[in-house]
PDB file of all heavy atoms in Angstrom:
ATOM      1  N   LYS A   1       0.814  -1.216   0.001  1.00  0.00           N
ATOM      2  CA  LYS A   1      -0.001   0.002   0.001  1.00  0.00           C
ATOM      3  C   LYS A   1       0.854   1.272  -0.001  1.00  0.00           C
ATOM      4  O   LYS A   1       0.336   2.364   0.216  1.00  0.00           O
ATOM      5  CB  LYS A   1      -0.958  -0.014   1.182  1.00  0.00           C
ATOM      6  CG  LYS A   1      -1.926  -1.204   1.130  1.00  0.00           C
ATOM      7  CD  LYS A   1      -3.082  -1.081   2.084  1.00  0.00           C
ATOM      8  CE  LYS A   1      -4.070  -2.216   1.900  1.00  0.00           C
ATOM      9  NZ  LYS A   1      -5.276  -2.084   2.739  1.00  0.00           N
ATOM     10  N   ASN A   2       2.138   1.107  -0.244  1.00  0.00           N
ATOM     11  CA  ASN A   2       3.064   2.242  -0.365  1.00  0.00           C
ATOM     12  C   ASN A   2       3.099   3.126   0.875  1.00  0.00           C
ATOM     13  O   ASN A   2       3.115   4.363   0.786  1.00  0.00           O
ATOM     14  CB  ASN A   2       2.721   3.079  -1.608  1.00  0.00           C
ATOM     15  CG  ASN A   2       2.862   2.292  -2.892  1.00  0.00           C
ATOM     16  OD1 ASN A   2       3.875   1.627  -3.092  1.00  0.00           O
ATOM     17  ND2 ASN A   2       1.855   2.357  -3.745  1.00  0.00           N
ATOM     18  N   ILE A   3       3.091   2.487   2.045  1.00  0.00           N
ATOM     19  CA  ILE A   3       3.220   3.203   3.308  1.00  0.00           C
ATOM     20  C   ILE A   3       4.676   3.154   3.756  1.00  0.00           C
ATOM     21  O   ILE A   3       5.247   2.076   3.924  1.00  0.00           O
ATOM     22  CB  ILE A   3       2.322   2.591   4.409  1.00  0.00           C
ATOM     23  CG1 ILE A   3       0.851   2.550   3.968  1.00  0.00           C
ATOM     24  CG2 ILE A   3       2.484   3.367   5.718  1.00  0.00           C
ATOM     25  CD1 ILE A   3       0.215   3.897   3.741  1.00  0.00           C
ATOM     26  N   GLU A   4       5.282   4.307   3.939  1.00  0.00           N
ATOM     27  CA  GLU A   4       6.677   4.390   4.385  1.00  0.00           C
ATOM     28  C   GLU A   4       6.753   4.187   5.896  1.00  0.00           C
ATOM     29  O   GLU A   4       5.992   4.804   6.651  1.00  0.00           O
ATOM     30  CB  GLU A   4       7.250   5.757   4.018  1.00  0.00           C
ATOM     31  CG  GLU A   4       8.671   5.991   4.531  1.00  0.00           C
ATOM     32  CD  GLU A   4       9.128   7.425   4.333  1.00  0.00           C
ATOM     33  OE1 GLU A   4       8.816   8.017   3.276  1.00  0.00           O
ATOM     34  OE2 GLU A   4       9.775   7.966   5.262  1.00  0.00           O
ATOM     35  N   ILE A   5       7.652   3.313   6.324  1.00  0.00           N
ATOM     36  CA  ILE A   5       7.850   3.049   7.746  1.00  0.00           C
ATOM     37  C   ILE A   5       9.108   3.771   8.226  1.00  0.00           C
ATOM     38  O   ILE A   5      10.155   3.701   7.596  1.00  0.00           O
ATOM     39  CB  ILE A   5       7.996   1.544   8.021  1.00  0.00           C
ATOM     40  CG1 ILE A   5       6.705   0.799   7.648  1.00  0.00           C
ATOM     41  CG2 ILE A   5       8.342   1.287   9.497  1.00  0.00           C
ATOM     42  CD1 ILE A   5       6.823  -0.716   7.738  1.00  0.00           C
ATOM     43  N   ARG A   6       8.976   4.452   9.363  1.00  0.00           N
ATOM     44  CA  ARG A   6      10.124   5.029  10.044  1.00  0.00           C
ATOM     45  C   ARG A   6      10.206   4.382  11.422  1.00  0.00           C
ATOM     46  O   ARG A   6       9.310   4.574  12.254  1.00  0.00           O
ATOM     47  CB  ARG A   6       9.985   6.551  10.152  1.00  0.00           C
ATOM     48  CG  ARG A   6       9.924   7.224   8.779  1.00  0.00           C
ATOM     49  CD  ARG A   6       9.811   8.722   8.869  1.00  0.00           C
ATOM     50  NE  ARG A   6       9.678   9.314   7.542  1.00  0.00           N
ATOM     51  CZ  ARG A   6       9.512  10.613   7.306  1.00  0.00           C
ATOM     52  NH1 ARG A   6       9.471  11.460   8.334  1.00  0.00           N
ATOM     53  NH2 ARG A   6       9.388  11.067   6.066  1.00  0.00           N
ATOM     54  N   GLY A   7      11.257   3.573  11.632  1.00  0.00           N
ATOM     55  CA  GLY A   7      11.303   2.749  12.821  1.00  0.00           C
ATOM     56  C   GLY A   7      12.467   3.026  13.742  1.00  0.00           C
ATOM     57  O   GLY A   7      13.485   3.604  13.337  1.00  0.00           O
ATOM     58  N   CYS A   8      12.329   2.563  14.989  1.00  0.00           N
ATOM     59  CA  CYS A   8      13.408   2.652  15.951  1.00  0.00           C
ATOM     60  C   CYS A   8      14.502   1.641  15.589  1.00  0.00           C
ATOM     61  O   CYS A   8      14.338   0.822  14.677  1.00  0.00           O
ATOM     62  CB  CYS A   8      12.880   2.391  17.358  1.00  0.00           C
ATOM     63  SG  CYS A   8      12.321   0.689  17.619  1.00  0.00           S
ATOM     64  N   LEU A   9      15.604   1.668  16.301  1.00  0.00           N
ATOM     65  CA  LEU A   9      16.737   0.792  16.008  1.00  0.00           C
ATOM     66  C   LEU A   9      16.337  -0.677  16.073  1.00  0.00           C
ATOM     67  O   LEU A   9      16.709  -1.485  15.200  1.00  0.00           O
ATOM     68  CB  LEU A   9      17.875   1.079  16.989  1.00  0.00           C
ATOM     69  CG  LEU A   9      19.197   0.335  16.736  1.00  0.00           C
ATOM     70  CD1 LEU A   9      19.760   0.712  15.364  1.00  0.00           C
ATOM     71  CD2 LEU A   9      20.199   0.668  17.840  1.00  0.00           C
ATOM     72  N   GLN A  10      15.556  -1.059  17.094  1.00  0.00           N
ATOM     73  CA  GLN A  10      15.119  -2.460  17.226  1.00  0.00           C
ATOM     74  C   GLN A  10      14.224  -2.871  16.060  1.00  0.00           C
ATOM     75  O   GLN A  10      14.311  -3.994  15.567  1.00  0.00           O
ATOM     76  CB  GLN A  10      14.370  -2.644  18.547  1.00  0.00           C
ATOM     77  CG  GLN A  10      15.251  -2.606  19.779  1.00  0.00           C
ATOM     78  CD  GLN A  10      14.402  -2.682  21.040  1.00  0.00           C
ATOM     79  OE1 GLN A  10      13.825  -1.673  21.461  1.00  0.00           O
ATOM     80  NE2 GLN A  10      14.323  -3.854  21.617  1.00  0.00           N
ATOM     81  N   THR A  11      13.358  -1.956  15.638  1.00  0.00           N
ATOM     82  CA  THR A  11      12.479  -2.244  14.495  1.00  0.00           C
ATOM     83  C   THR A  11      13.310  -2.507  13.248  1.00  0.00           C
ATOM     84  O   THR A  11      13.028  -3.435  12.479  1.00  0.00           O
ATOM     85  CB  THR A  11      11.518  -1.063  14.252  1.00  0.00           C
ATOM     86  OG1 THR A  11      10.729  -0.843  15.421  1.00  0.00           O
ATOM     87  CG2 THR A  11      10.591  -1.344  13.071  1.00  0.00           C
ATOM     88  N   ARG A  12      14.346  -1.711  13.044  1.00  0.00           N
ATOM     89  CA  ARG A  12      15.182  -1.836  11.854  1.00  0.00           C
ATOM     90  C   ARG A  12      16.017  -3.120  11.866  1.00  0.00           C
ATOM     91  O   ARG A  12      16.474  -3.573  10.809  1.00  0.00           O
ATOM     92  CB  ARG A  12      16.086  -0.615  11.724  1.00  0.00           C
ATOM     93  CG  ARG A  12      15.309   0.687  11.502  1.00  0.00           C
ATOM     94  CD  ARG A  12      16.239   1.876  11.376  1.00  0.00           C
ATOM     95  NE  ARG A  12      16.918   1.868  10.079  1.00  0.00           N
ATOM     96  CZ  ARG A  12      18.095   2.426   9.862  1.00  0.00           C
ATOM     97  NH1 ARG A  12      18.739   2.994  10.867  1.00  0.00           N
ATOM     98  NH2 ARG A  12      18.634   2.399   8.671  1.00  0.00           N
ATOM     99  N   LYS A  13      16.192  -3.720  13.031  1.00  0.00           N
ATOM    100  CA  LYS A  13      16.900  -5.002  13.107  1.00  0.00           C
ATOM    101  C   LYS A  13      16.003  -6.156  12.662  1.00  0.00           C
ATOM    102  O   LYS A  13      16.485  -7.209  12.233  1.00  0.00           O
ATOM    103  CB  LYS A  13      17.378  -5.246  14.536  1.00  0.00           C
ATOM    104  CG  LYS A  13      18.548  -4.362  14.955  1.00  0.00           C
ATOM    105  CD  LYS A  13      18.957  -4.642  16.397  1.00  0.00           C
ATOM    106  CE  LYS A  13      20.124  -3.761  16.829  1.00  0.00           C
ATOM    107  NZ  LYS A  13      20.490  -3.989  18.253  1.00  0.00           N
ATOM    108  N   ILE A  14      14.688  -5.945  12.775  1.00  0.00           N
ATOM    109  CA  ILE A  14      13.727  -7.000  12.419  1.00  0.00           C
ATOM    110  C   ILE A  14      13.255  -6.862  10.975  1.00  0.00           C
ATOM    111  O   ILE A  14      13.129  -7.862  10.249  1.00  0.00           O
ATOM    112  CB  ILE A  14      12.519  -6.982  13.386  1.00  0.00           C
ATOM    113  CG1 ILE A  14      12.987  -7.289  14.806  1.00  0.00           C
ATOM    114  CG2 ILE A  14      11.448  -7.970  12.946  1.00  0.00           C
ATOM    115  CD1 ILE A  14      11.920  -7.105  15.860  1.00  0.00           C
ATOM    116  N   ILE A  15      13.008  -5.636  10.526  1.00  0.00           N
ATOM    117  CA  ILE A  15      12.578  -5.408   9.137  1.00  0.00           C
ATOM    118  C   ILE A  15      13.565  -4.455   8.472  1.00  0.00           C
ATOM    119  O   ILE A  15      13.927  -3.436   9.025  1.00  0.00           O
ATOM    120  CB  ILE A  15      11.132  -4.878   9.052  1.00  0.00           C
ATOM    121  CG1 ILE A  15      10.916  -3.655   9.948  1.00  0.00           C
ATOM    122  CG2 ILE A  15      10.132  -5.976   9.419  1.00  0.00           C
ATOM    123  CD1 ILE A  15       9.519  -3.049   9.844  1.00  0.00           C
ATOM    124  N   SER A  16      13.978  -4.795   7.287  1.00  0.00           N
ATOM    125  CA  SER A  16      15.034  -4.032   6.601  1.00  0.00           C
ATOM    126  C   SER A  16      14.439  -2.993   5.661  1.00  0.00           C
ATOM    127  O   SER A  16      13.227  -2.957   5.413  1.00  0.00           O
ATOM    128  CB  SER A  16      15.928  -4.988   5.803  1.00  0.00           C
ATOM    129  OG  SER A  16      15.141  -5.734   4.884  1.00  0.00           O
ATOM    130  N   ASN A  17      15.314  -2.152   5.161  1.00  0.00           N
ATOM    131  CA  ASN A  17      14.956  -1.142   4.161  1.00  0.00           C
ATOM    132  C   ASN A  17      13.876  -0.175   4.650  1.00  0.00           C
ATOM    133  O   ASN A  17      12.921   0.134   3.925  1.00  0.00           O
ATOM    134  CB  ASN A  17      14.501  -1.805   2.856  1.00  0.00           C
ATOM    135  CG  ASN A  17      15.582  -2.668   2.239  1.00  0.00           C
ATOM    136  OD1 ASN A  17      16.752  -2.286   2.218  1.00  0.00           O
ATOM    137  ND2 ASN A  17      15.197  -3.856   1.772  1.00  0.00           N
ATOM    138  N   ILE A  18      14.012   0.247   5.893  1.00  0.00           N
ATOM    139  CA  ILE A  18      13.125   1.290   6.411  1.00  0.00           C
ATOM    140  C   ILE A  18      13.983   2.414   6.974  1.00  0.00           C
ATOM    141  O   ILE A  18      15.139   2.216   7.334  1.00  0.00           O
ATOM    142  CB  ILE A  18      12.154   0.769   7.494  1.00  0.00           C
ATOM    143  CG1 ILE A  18      12.927   0.321   8.744  1.00  0.00           C
ATOM    144  CG2 ILE A  18      11.276  -0.346   6.962  1.00  0.00           C
ATOM    145  CD1 ILE A  18      12.042   0.069   9.949  1.00  0.00           C
ATOM    146  N   LYS A  19      13.396   3.600   7.062  1.00  0.00           N
ATOM    147  CA  LYS A  19      14.125   4.766   7.565  1.00  0.00           C
ATOM    148  C   LYS A  19      14.210   4.734   9.087  1.00  0.00           C
ATOM    149  O   LYS A  19      13.329   4.193   9.764  1.00  0.00           O
ATOM    150  CB  LYS A  19      13.445   6.055   7.119  1.00  0.00           C
ATOM    151  CG  LYS A  19      13.570   6.355   5.632  1.00  0.00           C
ATOM    152  CD  LYS A  19      12.994   7.727   5.302  1.00  0.00           C
ATOM    153  CE  LYS A  19      13.201   8.067   3.840  1.00  0.00           C
ATOM    154  NZ  LYS A  19      12.672   9.414   3.503  1.00  0.00           N
ATOM    155  N   GLN A  20      15.254   5.360   9.606  1.00  0.00           N
ATOM    156  CA  GLN A  20      15.399   5.527  11.050  1.00  0.00           C
ATOM    157  C   GLN A  20      14.447   6.630  11.528  1.00  0.00           C
ATOM    158  O   GLN A  20      14.421   7.723  10.973  1.00  0.00           O
ATOM    159  CB  GLN A  20      16.841   5.913  11.391  1.00  0.00           C
ATOM    160  CG  GLN A  20      17.084   6.265  12.853  1.00  0.00           C
ATOM    161  CD  GLN A  20      17.067   5.043  13.761  1.00  0.00           C
ATOM    162  OE1 GLN A  20      17.627   4.006  13.421  1.00  0.00           O
ATOM    163  NE2 GLN A  20      16.411   5.165  14.908  1.00  0.00           N
ATOM    164  N   ALA A  21      13.674   6.327  12.554  1.00  0.00           N
ATOM    165  CA  ALA A  21      12.788   7.339  13.139  1.00  0.00           C
ATOM    166  C   ALA A  21      13.595   8.218  14.080  1.00  0.00           C
ATOM    167  O   ALA A  21      14.414   7.732  14.865  1.00  0.00           O
ATOM    168  CB  ALA A  21      11.653   6.671  13.895  1.00  0.00           C
ATOM    169  N   ASP A  22      13.373   9.534  13.994  1.00  0.00           N
ATOM    170  CA  ASP A  22      13.942  10.421  15.007  1.00  0.00           C
ATOM    171  C   ASP A  22      12.817  10.840  15.955  1.00  0.00           C
ATOM    172  O   ASP A  22      11.658  10.470  15.770  1.00  0.00           O
ATOM    173  CB  ASP A  22      14.638  11.626  14.377  1.00  0.00           C
ATOM    174  CG  ASP A  22      13.702  12.482  13.523  1.00  0.00           C
ATOM    175  OD1 ASP A  22      12.478  12.475  13.788  1.00  0.00           O
ATOM    176  OD2 ASP A  22      14.191  13.150  12.602  1.00  0.00           O
ATOM    177  N   GLU A  23      13.162  11.593  16.979  1.00  0.00           N
ATOM    178  CA  GLU A  23      12.152  11.903  18.004  1.00  0.00           C
ATOM    179  C   GLU A  23      10.968  12.668  17.432  1.00  0.00           C
ATOM    180  O   GLU A  23       9.820  12.461  17.843  1.00  0.00           O
ATOM    181  CB  GLU A  23      12.779  12.686  19.162  1.00  0.00           C
ATOM    182  CG  GLU A  23      11.778  12.838  20.306  1.00  0.00           C
ATOM    183  CD  GLU A  23      12.409  13.368  21.580  1.00  0.00           C
ATOM    184  OE1 GLU A  23      13.439  14.061  21.486  1.00  0.00           O
ATOM    185  OE2 GLU A  23      11.850  13.118  22.647  1.00  0.00           O
ATOM    186  N   GLN A  24      11.189  13.537  16.460  1.00  0.00           N
ATOM    187  CA  GLN A  24      10.102  14.307  15.869  1.00  0.00           C
ATOM    188  C   GLN A  24       9.064  13.405  15.215  1.00  0.00           C
ATOM    189  O   GLN A  24       7.874  13.709  15.213  1.00  0.00           O
ATOM    190  CB  GLN A  24      10.650  15.310  14.847  1.00  0.00           C
ATOM    191  CG  GLN A  24       9.589  16.223  14.234  1.00  0.00           C
ATOM    192  CD  GLN A  24       8.797  16.998  15.267  1.00  0.00           C
ATOM    193  OE1 GLN A  24       9.346  17.481  16.261  1.00  0.00           O
ATOM    194  NE2 GLN A  24       7.490  17.114  15.060  1.00  0.00           N
ATOM    195  N   ASP A  25       9.528  12.268  14.663  1.00  0.00           N
ATOM    196  CA  ASP A  25       8.585  11.330  14.045  1.00  0.00           C
ATOM    197  C   ASP A  25       7.549  10.839  15.036  1.00  0.00           C
ATOM    198  O   ASP A  25       6.391  10.607  14.675  1.00  0.00           O
ATOM    199  CB  ASP A  25       9.336  10.128  13.460  1.00  0.00           C
ATOM    200  CG  ASP A  25      10.032  10.465  12.154  1.00  0.00           C
ATOM    201  OD1 ASP A  25       9.349  10.946  11.233  1.00  0.00           O
ATOM    202  OD2 ASP A  25      11.251  10.257  12.054  1.00  0.00           O
ATOM    203  N   TYR A  26       7.937  10.683  16.293  1.00  0.00           N
ATOM    204  CA  TYR A  26       6.994  10.176  17.292  1.00  0.00           C
ATOM    205  C   TYR A  26       5.951  11.225  17.689  1.00  0.00           C
ATOM    206  O   TYR A  26       4.897  10.884  18.239  1.00  0.00           O
ATOM    207  CB  TYR A  26       7.745   9.681  18.527  1.00  0.00           C
ATOM    208  CG  TYR A  26       8.699   8.553  18.223  1.00  0.00           C
ATOM    209  CD1 TYR A  26      10.016   8.591  18.683  1.00  0.00           C
ATOM    210  CD2 TYR A  26       8.301   7.454  17.469  1.00  0.00           C
ATOM    211  CE1 TYR A  26      10.903   7.559  18.399  1.00  0.00           C
ATOM    212  CE2 TYR A  26       9.180   6.421  17.175  1.00  0.00           C
ATOM    213  CZ  TYR A  26      10.486   6.485  17.632  1.00  0.00           C
ATOM    214  OH  TYR A  26      11.357   5.463  17.345  1.00  0.00           O
ATOM    215  N   TYR A  27       6.213  12.478  17.383  1.00  0.00           N
ATOM    216  CA  TYR A  27       5.243  13.552  17.629  1.00  0.00           C
ATOM    217  C   TYR A  27       4.356  13.829  16.411  1.00  0.00           C
ATOM    218  O   TYR A  27       3.341  14.525  16.523  1.00  0.00           O
ATOM    219  CB  TYR A  27       5.959  14.866  17.972  1.00  0.00           C
ATOM    220  CG  TYR A  27       6.551  14.948  19.351  1.00  0.00           C
ATOM    221  CD1 TYR A  27       7.928  14.918  19.531  1.00  0.00           C
ATOM    222  CD2 TYR A  27       5.741  15.080  20.481  1.00  0.00           C
ATOM    223  CE1 TYR A  27       8.493  15.025  20.803  1.00  0.00           C
ATOM    224  CE2 TYR A  27       6.285  15.181  21.750  1.00  0.00           C
ATOM    225  CZ  TYR A  27       7.660  15.152  21.911  1.00  0.00           C
ATOM    226  OH  TYR A  27       8.209  15.262  23.175  1.00  0.00           O
ATOM    227  N   GLU A  28       4.727  13.314  15.255  1.00  0.00           N
ATOM    228  CA  GLU A  28       4.204  13.809  13.983  1.00  0.00           C
ATOM    229  C   GLU A  28       2.811  13.276  13.631  1.00  0.00           C
ATOM    230  O   GLU A  28       2.519  12.083  13.767  1.00  0.00           O
ATOM    231  CB  GLU A  28       5.165  13.432  12.855  1.00  0.00           C
ATOM    232  CG  GLU A  28       4.956  14.197  11.562  1.00  0.00           C
ATOM    233  CD  GLU A  28       5.299  15.675  11.692  1.00  0.00           C
ATOM    234  OE1 GLU A  28       6.274  16.011  12.396  1.00  0.00           O
ATOM    235  OE2 GLU A  28       4.593  16.478  11.084  1.00  0.00           O
ATOM    236  N   GLU A  29       1.937  14.185  13.180  1.00  0.00           N
ATOM    237  CA  GLU A  29       0.702  13.803  12.497  1.00  0.00           C
ATOM    238  C   GLU A  29       1.002  13.905  11.000  1.00  0.00           C
ATOM    239  O   GLU A  29       1.015  14.990  10.437  1.00  0.00           O
ATOM    240  CB  GLU A  29      -0.453  14.733  12.869  1.00  0.00           C
ATOM    241  CG  GLU A  29      -1.762  14.340  12.192  1.00  0.00           C
ATOM    242  CD  GLU A  29      -2.867  15.378  12.364  1.00  0.00           C
ATOM    243  OE1 GLU A  29      -2.551  16.580  12.439  1.00  0.00           O
ATOM    244  OE2 GLU A  29      -4.055  14.989  12.406  1.00  0.00           O
ATOM    245  N   TYR A  30       1.245  12.787  10.358  1.00  0.00           N
ATOM    246  CA  TYR A  30       1.716  12.805   8.975  1.00  0.00           C
ATOM    247  C   TYR A  30       0.626  13.196   7.978  1.00  0.00           C
ATOM    248  O   TYR A  30       0.885  13.865   6.980  1.00  0.00           O
ATOM    249  CB  TYR A  30       2.271  11.434   8.578  1.00  0.00           C
ATOM    250  CG  TYR A  30       3.488  11.001   9.354  1.00  0.00           C
ATOM    251  CD1 TYR A  30       3.406   9.962  10.275  1.00  0.00           C
ATOM    252  CD2 TYR A  30       4.717  11.631   9.177  1.00  0.00           C
ATOM    253  CE1 TYR A  30       4.517   9.542  10.990  1.00  0.00           C
ATOM    254  CE2 TYR A  30       5.838  11.225   9.892  1.00  0.00           C
ATOM    255  CZ  TYR A  30       5.726  10.178  10.800  1.00  0.00           C
ATOM    256  OH  TYR A  30       6.822   9.779  11.508  1.00  0.00           O
ATOM    257  N   LEU A  31      -0.614  12.727   8.229  1.00  0.00           N
ATOM    258  CA  LEU A  31      -1.711  12.934   7.266  1.00  0.00           C
ATOM    259  C   LEU A  31      -1.288  12.495   5.865  1.00  0.00           C
ATOM    260  O   LEU A  31      -1.603  13.129   4.868  1.00  0.00           O
ATOM    261  CB  LEU A  31      -2.153  14.409   7.255  1.00  0.00           C
ATOM    262  CG  LEU A  31      -2.762  14.945   8.547  1.00  0.00           C
ATOM    263  CD1 LEU A  31      -3.027  16.439   8.439  1.00  0.00           C
ATOM    264  CD2 LEU A  31      -4.047  14.211   8.908  1.00  0.00           C
ATOM    265  N   GLY A  32      -0.580  11.389   5.818  1.00  0.00           N
ATOM    266  CA  GLY A  32      -0.065  10.887   4.557  1.00  0.00           C
ATOM    267  C   GLY A  32       0.463   9.472   4.718  1.00  0.00           C
ATOM    268  O   GLY A  32       0.340   8.848   5.786  1.00  0.00           O
ATOM    269  N   PRO A  33       1.113   8.921   3.693  1.00  0.00           N
ATOM    270  CA  PRO A  33       1.527   7.513   3.677  1.00  0.00           C
ATOM    271  C   PRO A  33       2.830   7.239   4.433  1.00  0.00           C
ATOM    272  O   PRO A  33       3.782   6.669   3.893  1.00  0.00           O
ATOM    273  CB  PRO A  33       1.670   7.223   2.181  1.00  0.00           C
ATOM    274  CG  PRO A  33       2.093   8.533   1.605  1.00  0.00           C
ATOM    275  CD  PRO A  33       1.360   9.574   2.384  1.00  0.00           C
ATOM    276  N   ILE A  34       2.889   7.642   5.687  1.00  0.00           N
ATOM    277  CA  ILE A  34       4.063   7.439   6.541  1.00  0.00           C
ATOM    278  C   ILE A  34       3.568   7.012   7.924  1.00  0.00           C
ATOM    279  O   ILE A  34       2.530   7.493   8.393  1.00  0.00           O
ATOM    280  CB  ILE A  34       4.907   8.724   6.689  1.00  0.00           C
ATOM    281  CG1 ILE A  34       5.277   9.295   5.324  1.00  0.00           C
ATOM    282  CG2 ILE A  34       6.166   8.459   7.516  1.00  0.00           C
ATOM    283  CD1 ILE A  34       5.933  10.678   5.391  1.00  0.00           C
TER     284      ILE A  34
END
């Protein structure tokens, strides 16, 4: 469904090819495919 994942370090160890989440991501209302 073309949803981009931004994950913590542990998440990135389990699923590959995703972006690293920074603290702002945890506050964010994306209103989009993220």
